[in-house]
Amino acid sequence: MIGYTMVGTNDLNRAKAFYDPLFEMMGLSPCYEDEQVVSWGDRHDETVPRFFSCHPYDGNPASVGNGAMTTFRVPTATSVDALYEIAIAGGGRDEGRPGFRPERYGDKFYVAYVRDPDGNKLAFACYDGRSTP
């Protein structure tokens, strides 16, 4: 259903440095880059949704929408933990430490929330965090 997601940045080099290690851990690689935009996904499979970070095309500064979030589904709770730590070490801000959220999402949903250096909200989620790899 989703072809790609795009978030704005005011510093493309900073965004690339933040997202490169996250996508590397998820097994995704840079697909395209120029002075306006950088994207990650699977270069060999265009059916895999891509993620873009870019300077807004209208020339105005990037701004964050309240309530907007991109969630990356990963296979294990351990992956959620690792991605959270990578994001925080890379300049991200905590919006919700890794853990289960049974009161809202059931007893298997394991998730962490962060904001990238531009303030875009991200989540790393495992839908069956109680299973073992």
N, C-alpha and C. Protein backbone atom coordinates (compact mmCIF):
# COMPACT_ATOMS: atom_id res chain seq x y z
N MET A 1 0.80 -1.19 0.00
CA MET A 1 0.00 0.00 0.00
C MET A 1 0.86 1.27 0.00
N ILE A 2 1.94 1.29 0.75
CA ILE A 2 2.76 2.50 0.82
C ILE A 2 3.90 2.40 -0.17
N GLY A 3 4.03 3.42 -1.01
CA GLY A 3 5.14 3.47 -1.96
C GLY A 3 6.39 4.05 -1.33
N TYR A 4 6.23 5.18 -0.63
CA TYR A 4 7.35 5.78 0.09
C TYR A 4 6.82 6.75 1.13
N THR A 5 7.68 7.04 2.09
CA THR A 5 7.43 8.04 3.11
C THR A 5 8.51 9.09 2.98
N MET A 6 8.13 10.36 3.17
CA MET A 6 9.10 11.44 3.06
C MET A 6 8.97 12.34 4.29
N VAL A 7 10.11 12.65 4.92
CA VAL A 7 10.14 13.61 6.02
C VAL A 7 11.08 14.74 5.65
N GLY A 8 10.76 15.92 6.15
CA GLY A 8 11.59 17.08 5.86
C GLY A 8 12.79 17.18 6.77
N THR A 9 13.82 17.83 6.25
CA THR A 9 15.02 18.11 7.05
C THR A 9 15.52 19.50 6.70
N ASN A 10 16.20 20.12 7.65
CA ASN A 10 16.88 21.38 7.41
C ASN A 10 18.38 21.18 7.27
N ASP A 11 18.84 19.93 7.45
CA ASP A 11 20.26 19.60 7.34
C ASP A 11 20.37 18.18 6.78
N LEU A 12 20.53 18.08 5.46
CA LEU A 12 20.53 16.78 4.80
C LEU A 12 21.68 15.90 5.26
N ASN A 13 22.86 16.47 5.48
CA ASN A 13 24.00 15.68 5.95
C ASN A 13 23.73 15.10 7.34
N ARG A 14 23.13 15.89 8.21
CA ARG A 14 22.80 15.40 9.56
C ARG A 14 21.75 14.30 9.47
N ALA A 15 20.75 14.49 8.61
CA ALA A 15 19.71 13.46 8.44
C ALA A 15 20.32 12.16 7.93
N LYS A 16 21.21 12.25 6.95
CA LYS A 16 21.86 11.06 6.40
C LYS A 16 22.66 10.34 7.48
N ALA A 17 23.41 11.10 8.28
CA ALA A 17 24.20 10.50 9.36
C ALA A 17 23.31 9.83 10.40
N PHE A 18 22.12 10.38 10.64
CA PHE A 18 21.18 9.79 11.60
C PHE A 18 20.55 8.52 11.03
N TYR A 19 20.07 8.56 9.80
CA TYR A 19 19.31 7.44 9.24
C TYR A 19 20.17 6.31 8.69
N ASP A 20 21.36 6.59 8.20
CA ASP A 20 22.20 5.52 7.62
C ASP A 20 22.35 4.30 8.54
N PRO A 21 22.77 4.47 9.81
CA PRO A 21 22.94 3.27 10.65
C PRO A 21 21.62 2.58 11.00
N LEU A 22 20.53 3.33 11.09
CA LEU A 22 19.23 2.71 11.37
C LEU A 22 18.83 1.79 10.22
N PHE A 23 18.91 2.32 9.00
CA PHE A 23 18.49 1.51 7.86
C PHE A 23 19.47 0.38 7.57
N GLU A 24 20.73 0.59 7.87
CA GLU A 24 21.70 -0.50 7.71
C GLU A 24 21.30 -1.68 8.60
N MET A 25 20.92 -1.39 9.85
CA MET A 25 20.52 -2.46 10.76
C MET A 25 19.25 -3.16 10.27
N MET A 26 18.37 -2.41 9.59
CA MET A 26 17.14 -2.99 9.07
C MET A 26 17.35 -3.69 7.72
N GLY A 27 18.59 -3.69 7.23
CA GLY A 27 18.88 -4.37 5.98
C GLY A 27 18.51 -3.56 4.75
N LEU A 28 18.36 -2.25 4.90
CA LEU A 28 18.04 -1.38 3.78
C LEU A 28 19.25 -0.50 3.47
N SER A 29 19.36 -0.06 2.24
CA SER A 29 20.53 0.70 1.83
C SER A 29 20.13 2.00 1.15
N PRO A 30 21.07 2.94 1.04
CA PRO A 30 20.78 4.16 0.30
C PRO A 30 20.41 3.82 -1.15
N CYS A 31 19.37 4.48 -1.65
CA CYS A 31 18.91 4.23 -3.02
C CYS A 31 19.17 5.41 -3.94
N TYR A 32 19.08 6.62 -3.40
CA TYR A 32 19.24 7.81 -4.23
C TYR A 32 19.66 8.95 -3.33
N GLU A 33 20.51 9.82 -3.88
CA GLU A 33 20.93 11.00 -3.13
C GLU A 33 21.34 12.10 -4.10
N ASP A 34 20.89 13.32 -3.82
CA ASP A 34 21.40 14.50 -4.49
C ASP A 34 21.41 15.63 -3.46
N GLU A 35 21.54 16.87 -3.88
CA GLU A 35 21.64 17.97 -2.92
C GLU A 35 20.31 18.28 -2.25
N GLN A 36 19.21 17.69 -2.73
CA GLN A 36 17.87 17.95 -2.20
C GLN A 36 17.34 16.83 -1.31
N VAL A 37 17.75 15.58 -1.62
CA VAL A 37 17.06 14.43 -1.03
C VAL A 37 18.00 13.24 -0.90
N VAL A 38 17.70 12.38 0.07
CA VAL A 38 18.36 11.08 0.19
C VAL A 38 17.26 10.06 0.49
N SER A 39 17.41 8.85 -0.07
CA SER A 39 16.41 7.82 0.18
C SER A 39 17.07 6.49 0.50
N TRP A 40 16.30 5.65 1.20
CA TRP A 40 16.75 4.31 1.58
C TRP A 40 15.67 3.32 1.21
N GLY A 41 16.07 2.10 0.95
CA GLY A 41 15.14 1.03 0.63
C GLY A 41 15.92 -0.17 0.11
N ASP A 42 15.37 -0.81 -0.89
CA ASP A 42 16.03 -1.94 -1.55
C ASP A 42 16.18 -1.57 -3.02
N ARG A 43 17.41 -1.26 -3.42
CA ARG A 43 17.69 -0.84 -4.80
C ARG A 43 17.23 -1.84 -5.84
N HIS A 44 17.17 -3.10 -5.46
CA HIS A 44 16.87 -4.16 -6.41
C HIS A 44 15.41 -4.59 -6.39
N ASP A 45 14.61 -4.00 -5.49
CA ASP A 45 13.22 -4.38 -5.38
C ASP A 45 12.37 -3.13 -5.15
N GLU A 46 11.78 -2.62 -6.21
CA GLU A 46 10.99 -1.39 -6.11
C GLU A 46 9.66 -1.60 -5.40
N THR A 47 9.31 -2.84 -5.07
CA THR A 47 8.07 -3.06 -4.31
C THR A 47 8.27 -2.80 -2.82
N VAL A 48 9.53 -2.71 -2.38
CA VAL A 48 9.82 -2.39 -0.99
C VAL A 48 9.64 -0.87 -0.82
N PRO A 49 8.79 -0.45 0.11
CA PRO A 49 8.61 0.99 0.31
C PRO A 49 9.94 1.68 0.64
N ARG A 50 10.08 2.89 0.15
CA ARG A 50 11.29 3.68 0.41
C ARG A 50 11.00 4.79 1.41
N PHE A 51 12.06 5.23 2.04
CA PHE A 51 11.98 6.32 3.01
C PHE A 51 12.89 7.43 2.52
N PHE A 52 12.37 8.65 2.45
CA PHE A 52 13.12 9.80 1.98
C PHE A 52 13.23 10.84 3.08
N SER A 53 14.36 11.52 3.13
CA SER A 53 14.53 12.73 3.92
C SER A 53 14.97 13.79 2.94
N CYS A 54 14.31 14.97 2.99
CA CYS A 54 14.62 15.97 1.97
C CYS A 54 14.41 17.39 2.48
N HIS A 55 15.06 18.30 1.78
CA HIS A 55 14.74 19.71 1.95
C HIS A 55 13.39 19.93 1.28
N PRO A 56 12.46 20.64 1.92
CA PRO A 56 11.17 20.86 1.29
C PRO A 56 11.31 21.53 -0.08
N TYR A 57 10.55 21.04 -1.03
CA TYR A 57 10.64 21.53 -2.40
C TYR A 57 10.14 22.95 -2.56
N ASP A 58 9.34 23.44 -1.61
CA ASP A 58 8.85 24.82 -1.73
C ASP A 58 9.87 25.85 -1.25
N GLY A 59 11.02 25.37 -0.74
CA GLY A 59 12.08 26.28 -0.31
C GLY A 59 11.93 26.79 1.12
N ASN A 60 10.81 26.51 1.77
CA ASN A 60 10.62 26.93 3.16
C ASN A 60 11.30 25.92 4.08
N PRO A 61 11.60 26.33 5.32
CA PRO A 61 12.21 25.40 6.27
C PRO A 61 11.30 24.21 6.54
N ALA A 62 11.90 23.08 6.82
CA ALA A 62 11.14 21.89 7.20
C ALA A 62 10.48 22.14 8.54
N SER A 63 9.25 21.66 8.69
CA SER A 63 8.56 21.74 9.96
C SER A 63 7.88 20.40 10.21
N VAL A 64 7.56 20.15 11.46
CA VAL A 64 7.03 18.86 11.87
C VAL A 64 5.53 18.98 12.11
N GLY A 65 4.78 18.01 11.61
CA GLY A 65 3.34 17.99 11.84
C GLY A 65 3.01 17.23 13.11
N ASN A 66 2.20 17.83 13.96
CA ASN A 66 1.80 17.18 15.19
C ASN A 66 0.88 16.01 14.86
N GLY A 67 1.20 14.83 15.37
CA GLY A 67 0.41 13.64 15.12
C GLY A 67 0.95 12.78 13.99
N ALA A 68 1.90 13.28 13.22
CA ALA A 68 2.50 12.49 12.14
C ALA A 68 3.62 11.62 12.70
N MET A 69 3.68 10.37 12.24
CA MET A 69 4.71 9.45 12.71
C MET A 69 4.90 8.36 11.66
N THR A 70 6.14 7.93 11.52
CA THR A 70 6.45 6.77 10.68
C THR A 70 6.86 5.64 11.61
N THR A 71 6.26 4.46 11.43
CA THR A 71 6.58 3.30 12.24
C THR A 71 7.28 2.27 11.36
N PHE A 72 8.40 1.79 11.84
CA PHE A 72 9.16 0.74 11.15
C PHE A 72 8.91 -0.57 11.88
N ARG A 73 8.33 -1.51 11.17
CA ARG A 73 8.04 -2.83 11.75
C ARG A 73 9.28 -3.70 11.63
N VAL A 74 9.72 -4.26 12.76
CA VAL A 74 10.92 -5.10 12.81
C VAL A 74 10.55 -6.44 13.44
N PRO A 75 11.38 -7.46 13.25
CA PRO A 75 10.98 -8.82 13.64
C PRO A 75 11.05 -9.15 15.12
N THR A 76 11.87 -8.45 15.90
CA THR A 76 12.05 -8.84 17.30
C THR A 76 12.12 -7.63 18.23
N ALA A 77 11.84 -7.87 19.49
CA ALA A 77 11.99 -6.84 20.51
C ALA A 77 13.46 -6.41 20.62
N THR A 78 14.36 -7.34 20.42
CA THR A 78 15.80 -7.01 20.45
C THR A 78 16.14 -6.00 19.36
N SER A 79 15.52 -6.13 18.20
CA SER A 79 15.72 -5.16 17.12
C SER A 79 15.21 -3.78 17.52
N VAL A 80 14.05 -3.74 18.17
CA VAL A 80 13.51 -2.48 18.66
C VAL A 80 14.50 -1.82 19.60
N ASP A 81 15.01 -2.60 20.57
CA ASP A 81 15.99 -2.07 21.53
C ASP A 81 17.21 -1.49 20.83
N ALA A 82 17.76 -2.24 19.87
CA ALA A 82 18.98 -1.81 19.18
C ALA A 82 18.72 -0.55 18.35
N LEU A 83 17.60 -0.50 17.64
CA LEU A 83 17.30 0.68 16.83
C LEU A 83 17.08 1.91 17.70
N TYR A 84 16.44 1.74 18.82
CA TYR A 84 16.26 2.84 19.76
C TYR A 84 17.61 3.38 20.20
N GLU A 85 18.52 2.50 20.59
CA GLU A 85 19.86 2.92 21.05
C GLU A 85 20.63 3.62 19.93
N ILE A 86 20.56 3.09 18.71
CA ILE A 86 21.22 3.72 17.57
C ILE A 86 20.66 5.12 17.34
N ALA A 87 19.34 5.25 17.41
CA ALA A 87 18.71 6.55 17.18
C ALA A 87 19.13 7.57 18.24
N ILE A 88 19.13 7.16 19.50
CA ILE A 88 19.51 8.08 20.58
C ILE A 88 20.99 8.46 20.44
N ALA A 89 21.84 7.49 20.16
CA ALA A 89 23.27 7.77 19.99
C ALA A 89 23.53 8.68 18.79
N GLY A 90 22.64 8.64 17.80
CA GLY A 90 22.81 9.44 16.59
C GLY A 90 22.18 10.82 16.66
N GLY A 91 21.73 11.22 17.83
CA GLY A 91 21.18 12.56 17.99
C GLY A 91 19.67 12.61 18.08
N GLY A 92 19.02 11.45 18.12
CA GLY A 92 17.57 11.41 18.29
C GLY A 92 17.18 11.70 19.73
N ARG A 93 15.91 12.03 19.92
CA ARG A 93 15.38 12.31 21.25
C ARG A 93 14.35 11.25 21.64
N ASP A 94 14.40 10.86 22.88
CA ASP A 94 13.46 9.87 23.41
C ASP A 94 12.04 10.42 23.41
N GLU A 95 11.10 9.58 22.92
CA GLU A 95 9.66 9.89 23.00
C GLU A 95 8.92 8.73 23.64
N GLY A 96 9.66 7.73 24.09
CA GLY A 96 9.05 6.56 24.72
C GLY A 96 9.99 5.38 24.63
N ARG A 97 10.60 5.04 25.75
CA ARG A 97 11.60 3.96 25.79
C ARG A 97 10.99 2.64 25.31
N PRO A 98 11.84 1.72 24.86
CA PRO A 98 11.34 0.42 24.41
C PRO A 98 10.57 -0.31 25.50
N GLY A 99 9.48 -0.91 25.09
CA GLY A 99 8.71 -1.68 26.04
C GLY A 99 7.37 -2.11 25.47
N PHE A 100 6.67 -2.90 26.27
CA PHE A 100 5.31 -3.32 25.92
C PHE A 100 4.35 -2.20 26.29
N ARG A 101 3.26 -2.10 25.57
CA ARG A 101 2.22 -1.10 25.84
C ARG A 101 0.86 -1.83 25.91
N PRO A 102 0.71 -2.75 26.90
CA PRO A 102 -0.50 -3.59 26.94
C PRO A 102 -1.79 -2.80 27.13
N GLU A 103 -1.72 -1.67 27.80
CA GLU A 103 -2.92 -0.88 28.05
C GLU A 103 -3.51 -0.28 26.78
N ARG A 104 -2.70 -0.17 25.75
CA ARG A 104 -3.17 0.43 24.50
C ARG A 104 -3.16 -0.53 23.32
N TYR A 105 -2.16 -1.43 23.27
CA TYR A 105 -1.94 -2.21 22.05
C TYR A 105 -1.92 -3.72 22.25
N GLY A 106 -2.23 -4.20 23.42
CA GLY A 106 -2.20 -5.63 23.67
C GLY A 106 -0.87 -6.05 24.29
N ASP A 107 -0.79 -7.31 24.67
CA ASP A 107 0.36 -7.75 25.45
C ASP A 107 1.55 -8.22 24.62
N LYS A 108 1.47 -8.19 23.29
CA LYS A 108 2.59 -8.62 22.44
C LYS A 108 3.29 -7.46 21.74
N PHE A 109 2.65 -6.30 21.68
CA PHE A 109 3.17 -5.17 20.92
C PHE A 109 4.31 -4.50 21.69
N TYR A 110 5.52 -4.54 21.11
CA TYR A 110 6.72 -3.99 21.75
C TYR A 110 7.21 -2.85 20.86
N VAL A 111 7.39 -1.67 21.44
CA VAL A 111 7.65 -0.48 20.62
C VAL A 111 8.54 0.51 21.35
N ALA A 112 9.23 1.34 20.57
CA ALA A 112 10.00 2.47 21.09
C ALA A 112 9.72 3.67 20.19
N TYR A 113 9.71 4.85 20.80
CA TYR A 113 9.42 6.08 20.06
C TYR A 113 10.59 7.05 20.20
N VAL A 114 10.97 7.67 19.09
CA VAL A 114 12.04 8.67 19.09
C VAL A 114 11.66 9.81 18.14
N ARG A 115 12.39 10.89 18.25
CA ARG A 115 12.32 11.97 17.26
C ARG A 115 13.70 12.08 16.63
N ASP A 116 13.72 12.26 15.32
CA ASP A 116 14.99 12.46 14.63
C ASP A 116 15.50 13.87 14.93
N PRO A 117 16.71 14.24 14.48
CA PRO A 117 17.25 15.56 14.81
C PRO A 117 16.40 16.74 14.32
N ASP A 118 15.53 16.51 13.33
CA ASP A 118 14.63 17.56 12.86
C ASP A 118 13.29 17.56 13.59
N GLY A 119 13.08 16.59 14.48
CA GLY A 119 11.84 16.53 15.24
C GLY A 119 10.79 15.60 14.68
N ASN A 120 11.08 14.90 13.58
CA ASN A 120 10.13 13.95 13.01
C ASN A 120 10.01 12.75 13.94
N LYS A 121 8.77 12.34 14.23
CA LYS A 121 8.54 11.23 15.15
C LYS A 121 8.61 9.90 14.42
N LEU A 122 9.35 8.96 15.03
CA LEU A 122 9.53 7.61 14.50
C LEU A 122 9.18 6.61 15.58
N ALA A 123 8.76 5.42 15.14
CA ALA A 123 8.57 4.32 16.06
C ALA A 123 9.22 3.08 15.46
N PHE A 124 9.75 2.24 16.31
CA PHE A 124 10.27 0.92 15.92
C PHE A 124 9.40 -0.08 16.67
N ALA A 125 8.73 -0.95 15.94
CA ALA A 125 7.73 -1.81 16.57
C ALA A 125 7.87 -3.27 16.15
N CYS A 126 7.67 -4.14 17.13
CA CYS A 126 7.58 -5.58 16.90
C CYS A 126 6.18 -5.99 17.33
N TYR A 127 5.45 -6.62 16.45
CA TYR A 127 4.06 -6.96 16.74
C TYR A 127 3.92 -8.20 17.61
N ASP A 128 5.01 -8.95 17.77
CA ASP A 128 5.00 -10.12 18.67
C ASP A 128 6.29 -10.12 19.46
N GLY A 129 6.43 -9.15 20.36
CA GLY A 129 7.66 -8.99 21.13
C GLY A 129 7.92 -10.06 22.15
N ARG A 130 6.98 -10.94 22.36
CA ARG A 130 7.18 -12.01 23.34
C ARG A 130 7.75 -13.28 22.68
N SER A 131 7.78 -13.31 21.36
CA SER A 131 8.34 -14.48 20.69
C SER A 131 9.85 -14.38 20.67
N THR A 132 10.51 -15.49 20.50
CA THR A 132 11.96 -15.49 20.43
C THR A 132 12.37 -15.79 18.99
N PRO A 133 13.48 -15.17 18.55
CA PRO A 133 13.92 -15.37 17.16
C PRO A 133 14.38 -16.79 16.91
